[in-house]
Amino acid sequence: MSSGQRPGPGGEALIVTGRAASTDAVVVSVVGEVDMLTAPQLLPAIVEYVAKKPCRLLVVDLTGVTFLGSPGLKVLLEVQAFAGDRELKVRFVTADNRHATRPLEITGLDKMLTSSPSVHDALQELDRAADVD
């Protein structure tokens, strides 16, 4: 499943795909540039995936991002608010992708957004929470 694609200023399209990773988790992968032209596509795509597959955990995989501008950072905060309004846990995965981690660190958003080192680790957090319940 993928959302519409729109080229960014560098000509690269934003590709957003989603999948059910378990009975309680949805993983949305973001590939390409998240800038002022493409950022408006991100939240609606995530909302669509969550509507199709209700979940307790939303994982946003940013490891394929090649540019993350201020409009993209704003959308990540909107994604966190969307998840909070629905009582979903949300984890942002950047791994060692400097295109994603650097803007988050510079703005301090790395302290505000809950991250996981990998999609696998994020999904393990859900399993650990289920073991506690």
N, C-alpha and C. Protein backbone atom coordinates (compact mmCIF):
# COMPACT_ATOMS: atom_id res chain seq x y z
N MET A 1 0.84 -1.16 0.00
CA MET A 1 0.00 0.00 0.00
C MET A 1 0.89 1.23 0.00
N SER A 2 0.61 2.20 -0.87
CA SER A 2 1.38 3.43 -0.82
C SER A 2 0.50 4.62 -1.12
N SER A 3 0.90 5.75 -0.59
CA SER A 3 0.13 6.97 -0.81
C SER A 3 0.54 7.58 -2.13
N GLY A 4 -0.12 8.67 -2.46
CA GLY A 4 0.27 9.39 -3.65
C GLY A 4 1.70 9.87 -3.55
N GLN A 5 2.31 10.08 -4.69
CA GLN A 5 3.69 10.51 -4.70
C GLN A 5 3.75 11.89 -5.32
N ARG A 6 4.49 12.79 -4.71
CA ARG A 6 4.69 14.12 -5.24
C ARG A 6 6.17 14.44 -5.14
N PRO A 7 6.77 14.92 -6.23
CA PRO A 7 8.19 15.23 -6.16
C PRO A 7 8.49 16.40 -5.25
N GLY A 8 9.58 16.31 -4.53
CA GLY A 8 10.07 17.42 -3.72
C GLY A 8 10.93 18.33 -4.57
N PRO A 9 11.56 19.35 -3.96
CA PRO A 9 12.35 20.30 -4.72
C PRO A 9 13.52 19.65 -5.45
N GLY A 10 14.05 18.57 -4.90
CA GLY A 10 15.13 17.86 -5.57
C GLY A 10 14.63 16.88 -6.60
N GLY A 11 13.32 16.86 -6.82
CA GLY A 11 12.74 15.95 -7.80
C GLY A 11 12.39 14.59 -7.23
N GLU A 12 12.71 14.38 -5.95
CA GLU A 12 12.45 13.08 -5.34
C GLU A 12 11.03 13.04 -4.78
N ALA A 13 10.35 11.95 -5.01
CA ALA A 13 8.99 11.79 -4.51
C ALA A 13 9.00 11.31 -3.06
N LEU A 14 7.93 11.63 -2.37
CA LEU A 14 7.71 11.09 -1.03
C LEU A 14 6.86 9.84 -1.20
N ILE A 15 7.33 8.75 -0.67
CA ILE A 15 6.60 7.49 -0.75
C ILE A 15 6.28 7.06 0.68
N VAL A 16 4.99 6.86 0.94
CA VAL A 16 4.54 6.45 2.27
C VAL A 16 3.81 5.13 2.10
N THR A 17 4.31 4.11 2.79
CA THR A 17 3.67 2.80 2.74
C THR A 17 3.36 2.35 4.15
N GLY A 18 2.34 1.53 4.28
CA GLY A 18 1.95 1.05 5.61
C GLY A 18 1.65 -0.43 5.58
N ARG A 19 1.81 -1.04 6.73
CA ARG A 19 1.50 -2.47 6.85
C ARG A 19 1.17 -2.78 8.30
N ALA A 20 0.34 -3.80 8.46
CA ALA A 20 0.07 -4.32 9.80
C ALA A 20 1.27 -5.19 10.16
N ALA A 21 1.90 -4.88 11.28
CA ALA A 21 3.08 -5.64 11.70
C ALA A 21 2.72 -6.73 12.69
N SER A 22 1.56 -6.60 13.31
CA SER A 22 1.04 -7.59 14.24
C SER A 22 -0.43 -7.27 14.41
N THR A 23 -1.08 -7.97 15.30
CA THR A 23 -2.49 -7.69 15.50
C THR A 23 -2.71 -6.32 16.12
N ASP A 24 -1.69 -5.75 16.77
CA ASP A 24 -1.84 -4.48 17.46
C ASP A 24 -0.90 -3.38 16.98
N ALA A 25 -0.23 -3.56 15.86
CA ALA A 25 0.75 -2.57 15.43
C ALA A 25 0.66 -2.31 13.93
N VAL A 26 0.87 -1.03 13.59
CA VAL A 26 0.96 -0.61 12.20
C VAL A 26 2.31 0.07 12.02
N VAL A 27 3.01 -0.30 10.95
CA VAL A 27 4.28 0.33 10.61
C VAL A 27 4.07 1.15 9.35
N VAL A 28 4.39 2.42 9.41
CA VAL A 28 4.32 3.31 8.26
C VAL A 28 5.75 3.70 7.91
N SER A 29 6.16 3.38 6.69
CA SER A 29 7.51 3.70 6.23
C SER A 29 7.47 4.92 5.34
N VAL A 30 8.41 5.82 5.57
CA VAL A 30 8.49 7.07 4.82
C VAL A 30 9.81 7.08 4.07
N VAL A 31 9.73 7.28 2.76
CA VAL A 31 10.92 7.27 1.92
C VAL A 31 10.92 8.53 1.06
N GLY A 32 12.04 9.23 1.04
CA GLY A 32 12.19 10.41 0.20
C GLY A 32 12.29 11.68 1.02
N GLU A 33 11.98 12.80 0.36
CA GLU A 33 12.10 14.12 0.96
C GLU A 33 10.79 14.53 1.63
N VAL A 34 10.89 14.97 2.88
CA VAL A 34 9.73 15.48 3.59
C VAL A 34 9.96 16.99 3.73
N ASP A 35 9.38 17.73 2.80
CA ASP A 35 9.59 19.17 2.71
C ASP A 35 8.25 19.87 2.59
N MET A 36 8.28 21.15 2.23
CA MET A 36 7.03 21.92 2.20
C MET A 36 6.07 21.42 1.13
N LEU A 37 6.56 20.78 0.08
CA LEU A 37 5.67 20.26 -0.95
C LEU A 37 5.10 18.89 -0.60
N THR A 38 5.89 18.08 0.08
CA THR A 38 5.48 16.69 0.32
C THR A 38 4.95 16.45 1.73
N ALA A 39 5.35 17.26 2.71
CA ALA A 39 4.94 17.03 4.10
C ALA A 39 3.43 16.93 4.28
N PRO A 40 2.62 17.73 3.54
CA PRO A 40 1.17 17.63 3.74
C PRO A 40 0.58 16.26 3.40
N GLN A 41 1.32 15.42 2.71
CA GLN A 41 0.84 14.07 2.38
C GLN A 41 0.98 13.10 3.54
N LEU A 42 1.89 13.38 4.46
CA LEU A 42 2.27 12.39 5.46
C LEU A 42 1.18 12.08 6.48
N LEU A 43 0.64 13.08 7.14
CA LEU A 43 -0.38 12.82 8.16
C LEU A 43 -1.62 12.15 7.57
N PRO A 44 -2.16 12.62 6.44
CA PRO A 44 -3.33 11.91 5.88
C PRO A 44 -3.04 10.45 5.54
N ALA A 45 -1.83 10.16 5.08
CA ALA A 45 -1.48 8.76 4.78
C ALA A 45 -1.47 7.93 6.05
N ILE A 46 -0.90 8.48 7.12
CA ILE A 46 -0.85 7.75 8.39
C ILE A 46 -2.26 7.55 8.93
N VAL A 47 -3.08 8.58 8.88
CA VAL A 47 -4.46 8.46 9.35
C VAL A 47 -5.18 7.36 8.57
N GLU A 48 -4.94 7.31 7.28
CA GLU A 48 -5.58 6.28 6.44
C GLU A 48 -5.16 4.87 6.86
N TYR A 49 -3.88 4.67 7.11
CA TYR A 49 -3.41 3.33 7.51
C TYR A 49 -3.97 2.93 8.87
N VAL A 50 -4.02 3.87 9.81
CA VAL A 50 -4.55 3.55 11.13
C VAL A 50 -6.05 3.28 11.05
N ALA A 51 -6.76 4.00 10.18
CA ALA A 51 -8.20 3.76 10.02
C ALA A 51 -8.47 2.38 9.44
N LYS A 52 -7.59 1.92 8.55
CA LYS A 52 -7.77 0.60 7.94
C LYS A 52 -7.42 -0.52 8.91
N LYS A 53 -6.49 -0.25 9.81
CA LYS A 53 -6.01 -1.28 10.74
C LYS A 53 -5.88 -0.69 12.13
N PRO A 54 -6.96 -0.68 12.90
CA PRO A 54 -6.86 -0.17 14.27
C PRO A 54 -5.73 -0.87 15.03
N CYS A 55 -5.03 -0.12 15.84
CA CYS A 55 -3.85 -0.67 16.51
C CYS A 55 -3.64 0.02 17.85
N ARG A 56 -2.68 -0.50 18.61
CA ARG A 56 -2.26 0.12 19.86
C ARG A 56 -0.90 0.81 19.71
N LEU A 57 -0.17 0.43 18.67
CA LEU A 57 1.17 0.99 18.44
C LEU A 57 1.29 1.42 16.98
N LEU A 58 1.75 2.64 16.79
CA LEU A 58 2.05 3.17 15.47
C LEU A 58 3.55 3.39 15.40
N VAL A 59 4.20 2.75 14.44
CA VAL A 59 5.63 2.90 14.23
C VAL A 59 5.82 3.68 12.94
N VAL A 60 6.52 4.80 13.03
CA VAL A 60 6.81 5.61 11.85
C VAL A 60 8.29 5.43 11.54
N ASP A 61 8.56 4.72 10.45
CA ASP A 61 9.93 4.38 10.06
C ASP A 61 10.47 5.48 9.14
N LEU A 62 11.42 6.24 9.65
CA LEU A 62 12.01 7.35 8.91
C LEU A 62 13.39 7.00 8.36
N THR A 63 13.75 5.74 8.34
CA THR A 63 15.10 5.36 7.91
C THR A 63 15.32 5.60 6.42
N GLY A 64 14.25 5.75 5.64
CA GLY A 64 14.39 6.00 4.21
C GLY A 64 14.26 7.47 3.82
N VAL A 65 14.18 8.36 4.81
CA VAL A 65 14.06 9.78 4.54
C VAL A 65 15.40 10.33 4.05
N THR A 66 15.36 11.10 2.96
CA THR A 66 16.58 11.70 2.41
C THR A 66 16.68 13.19 2.71
N PHE A 67 15.59 13.79 3.18
CA PHE A 67 15.58 15.19 3.60
C PHE A 67 14.40 15.38 4.54
N LEU A 68 14.64 16.05 5.67
CA LEU A 68 13.57 16.33 6.63
C LEU A 68 13.62 17.81 6.98
N GLY A 69 12.74 18.58 6.33
CA GLY A 69 12.69 20.02 6.56
C GLY A 69 11.74 20.37 7.69
N SER A 70 11.66 21.67 7.98
CA SER A 70 10.82 22.11 9.09
C SER A 70 9.34 21.75 8.90
N PRO A 71 8.79 21.75 7.67
CA PRO A 71 7.40 21.29 7.53
C PRO A 71 7.25 19.81 7.92
N GLY A 72 8.26 19.02 7.63
CA GLY A 72 8.24 17.61 8.02
C GLY A 72 8.31 17.43 9.53
N LEU A 73 9.12 18.25 10.18
CA LEU A 73 9.21 18.19 11.64
C LEU A 73 7.86 18.54 12.27
N LYS A 74 7.20 19.53 11.71
CA LYS A 74 5.88 19.93 12.22
C LYS A 74 4.90 18.76 12.07
N VAL A 75 4.96 18.07 10.96
CA VAL A 75 4.05 16.94 10.74
C VAL A 75 4.35 15.82 11.73
N LEU A 76 5.60 15.60 12.08
CA LEU A 76 5.91 14.57 13.07
C LEU A 76 5.26 14.89 14.41
N LEU A 77 5.25 16.16 14.78
CA LEU A 77 4.55 16.56 16.01
C LEU A 77 3.05 16.34 15.87
N GLU A 78 2.50 16.58 14.69
CA GLU A 78 1.08 16.34 14.44
C GLU A 78 0.76 14.85 14.52
N VAL A 79 1.68 14.03 14.02
CA VAL A 79 1.49 12.57 14.11
C VAL A 79 1.47 12.15 15.57
N GLN A 80 2.38 12.71 16.37
CA GLN A 80 2.40 12.37 17.79
C GLN A 80 1.10 12.79 18.47
N ALA A 81 0.59 13.97 18.13
CA ALA A 81 -0.67 14.45 18.71
C ALA A 81 -1.84 13.57 18.26
N PHE A 82 -1.85 13.19 16.99
CA PHE A 82 -2.88 12.30 16.45
C PHE A 82 -2.89 10.99 17.24
N ALA A 83 -1.71 10.42 17.45
CA ALA A 83 -1.61 9.15 18.18
C ALA A 83 -2.07 9.34 19.63
N GLY A 84 -1.65 10.42 20.25
CA GLY A 84 -2.05 10.67 21.63
C GLY A 84 -3.55 10.83 21.79
N ASP A 85 -4.18 11.50 20.81
CA ASP A 85 -5.64 11.67 20.86
C ASP A 85 -6.36 10.33 20.79
N ARG A 86 -5.74 9.34 20.17
CA ARG A 86 -6.35 8.02 20.01
C ARG A 86 -5.79 7.01 21.00
N GLU A 87 -5.00 7.49 21.96
CA GLU A 87 -4.36 6.64 22.96
C GLU A 87 -3.52 5.53 22.34
N LEU A 88 -2.83 5.89 21.26
CA LEU A 88 -1.89 4.97 20.60
C LEU A 88 -0.49 5.31 21.06
N LYS A 89 0.31 4.29 21.25
CA LYS A 89 1.73 4.53 21.44
C LYS A 89 2.30 4.80 20.05
N VAL A 90 3.24 5.71 19.98
CA VAL A 90 3.90 5.99 18.70
C VAL A 90 5.40 5.96 18.92
N ARG A 91 6.09 5.36 17.99
CA ARG A 91 7.55 5.29 18.01
C ARG A 91 8.06 5.73 16.65
N PHE A 92 9.06 6.60 16.68
CA PHE A 92 9.71 7.06 15.46
C PHE A 92 11.05 6.36 15.34
N VAL A 93 11.31 5.78 14.18
CA VAL A 93 12.55 5.03 13.96
C VAL A 93 13.40 5.80 12.96
N THR A 94 14.60 6.17 13.38
CA THR A 94 15.53 6.85 12.49
C THR A 94 16.80 6.05 12.26
N ALA A 95 17.06 5.09 13.13
CA ALA A 95 18.29 4.29 13.09
C ALA A 95 19.47 5.27 13.03
N ASP A 96 20.38 5.06 12.09
CA ASP A 96 21.53 5.96 11.98
C ASP A 96 21.40 6.88 10.76
N ASN A 97 20.18 7.13 10.32
CA ASN A 97 19.94 7.99 9.18
C ASN A 97 20.11 9.46 9.58
N ARG A 98 21.23 10.05 9.25
CA ARG A 98 21.53 11.43 9.63
C ARG A 98 20.56 12.43 8.99
N HIS A 99 19.96 12.06 7.85
CA HIS A 99 18.98 12.96 7.21
C HIS A 99 17.77 13.16 8.12
N ALA A 100 17.48 12.19 8.94
CA ALA A 100 16.35 12.28 9.88
C ALA A 100 16.82 12.68 11.28
N THR A 101 17.90 12.09 11.76
CA THR A 101 18.32 12.35 13.14
C THR A 101 18.84 13.77 13.34
N ARG A 102 19.56 14.29 12.38
CA ARG A 102 20.18 15.61 12.56
C ARG A 102 19.14 16.72 12.76
N PRO A 103 18.11 16.83 11.91
CA PRO A 103 17.11 17.88 12.16
C PRO A 103 16.40 17.71 13.50
N LEU A 104 16.17 16.47 13.90
CA LEU A 104 15.53 16.23 15.20
C LEU A 104 16.42 16.68 16.35
N GLU A 105 17.72 16.40 16.24
CA GLU A 105 18.66 16.80 17.29
C GLU A 105 18.82 18.32 17.35
N ILE A 106 18.95 18.96 16.19
CA ILE A 106 19.16 20.41 16.13
C ILE A 106 17.99 21.15 16.76
N THR A 107 16.78 20.68 16.52
CA THR A 107 15.59 21.36 17.02
C THR A 107 15.18 20.92 18.42
N GLY A 108 15.80 19.87 18.94
CA GLY A 108 15.44 19.34 20.24
C GLY A 108 14.24 18.41 20.21
N LEU A 109 13.71 18.15 19.03
CA LEU A 109 12.56 17.25 18.93
C LEU A 109 12.92 15.81 19.27
N ASP A 110 14.19 15.48 19.21
CA ASP A 110 14.59 14.13 19.60
C ASP A 110 14.26 13.87 21.07
N LYS A 111 14.12 14.95 21.86
CA LYS A 111 13.75 14.80 23.28
C LYS A 111 12.24 14.73 23.47
N MET A 112 11.48 15.19 22.46
CA MET A 112 10.02 15.24 22.57
C MET A 112 9.33 14.04 21.93
N LEU A 113 9.97 13.46 20.94
CA LEU A 113 9.39 12.32 20.22
C LEU A 113 10.00 11.04 20.74
N THR A 114 9.19 10.05 20.97
CA THR A 114 9.70 8.77 21.45
C THR A 114 10.24 7.98 20.27
N SER A 115 11.48 7.58 20.38
CA SER A 115 12.10 6.86 19.28
C SER A 115 12.52 5.46 19.70
N SER A 116 12.74 4.67 18.69
CA SER A 116 13.28 3.32 18.87
C SER A 116 14.40 3.16 17.85
N PRO A 117 15.41 2.35 18.18
CA PRO A 117 16.53 2.21 17.25
C PRO A 117 16.18 1.47 15.96
N SER A 118 15.13 0.65 16.00
CA SER A 118 14.73 -0.10 14.81
C SER A 118 13.24 -0.42 14.90
N VAL A 119 12.66 -0.79 13.77
CA VAL A 119 11.26 -1.22 13.76
C VAL A 119 11.10 -2.44 14.65
N HIS A 120 12.04 -3.35 14.56
CA HIS A 120 12.00 -4.57 15.39
C HIS A 120 11.95 -4.21 16.87
N ASP A 121 12.81 -3.28 17.30
CA ASP A 121 12.82 -2.86 18.70
C ASP A 121 11.50 -2.21 19.11
N ALA A 122 10.93 -1.40 18.24
CA ALA A 122 9.65 -0.76 18.54
C ALA A 122 8.57 -1.81 18.74
N LEU A 123 8.54 -2.81 17.89
CA LEU A 123 7.54 -3.88 18.01
C LEU A 123 7.77 -4.72 19.25
N GLN A 124 9.01 -4.88 19.65
CA GLN A 124 9.33 -5.61 20.88
C GLN A 124 8.79 -4.87 22.10
N GLU A 125 8.78 -3.55 22.06
CA GLU A 125 8.24 -2.76 23.17
C GLU A 125 6.77 -3.09 23.38
N LEU A 126 6.03 -3.28 22.32
CA LEU A 126 4.62 -3.65 22.41
C LEU A 126 4.48 -5.02 23.06
N ASP A 127 5.33 -5.95 22.66
CA ASP A 127 5.30 -7.29 23.24
C ASP A 127 5.61 -7.24 24.74
N ARG A 128 6.60 -6.43 25.13
CA ARG A 128 6.95 -6.32 26.55
C ARG A 128 5.81 -5.71 27.35
N ALA A 129 5.13 -4.71 26.77
CA ALA A 129 4.00 -4.08 27.44
C ALA A 129 2.87 -5.09 27.63
N ALA A 130 2.67 -5.97 26.65
CA ALA A 130 1.62 -6.99 26.76
C ALA A 130 1.96 -7.98 27.86
N ASP A 131 3.26 -8.27 28.03
CA ASP A 131 3.67 -9.21 29.08
C ASP A 131 3.40 -8.64 30.46
N VAL A 132 3.49 -7.31 30.60
CA VAL A 132 3.27 -6.65 31.89
C VAL A 132 1.79 -6.62 32.23
N ASP A 133 0.94 -6.43 31.21
CA ASP A 133 -0.53 -6.35 31.43
C ASP A 133 -1.10 -7.61 31.91
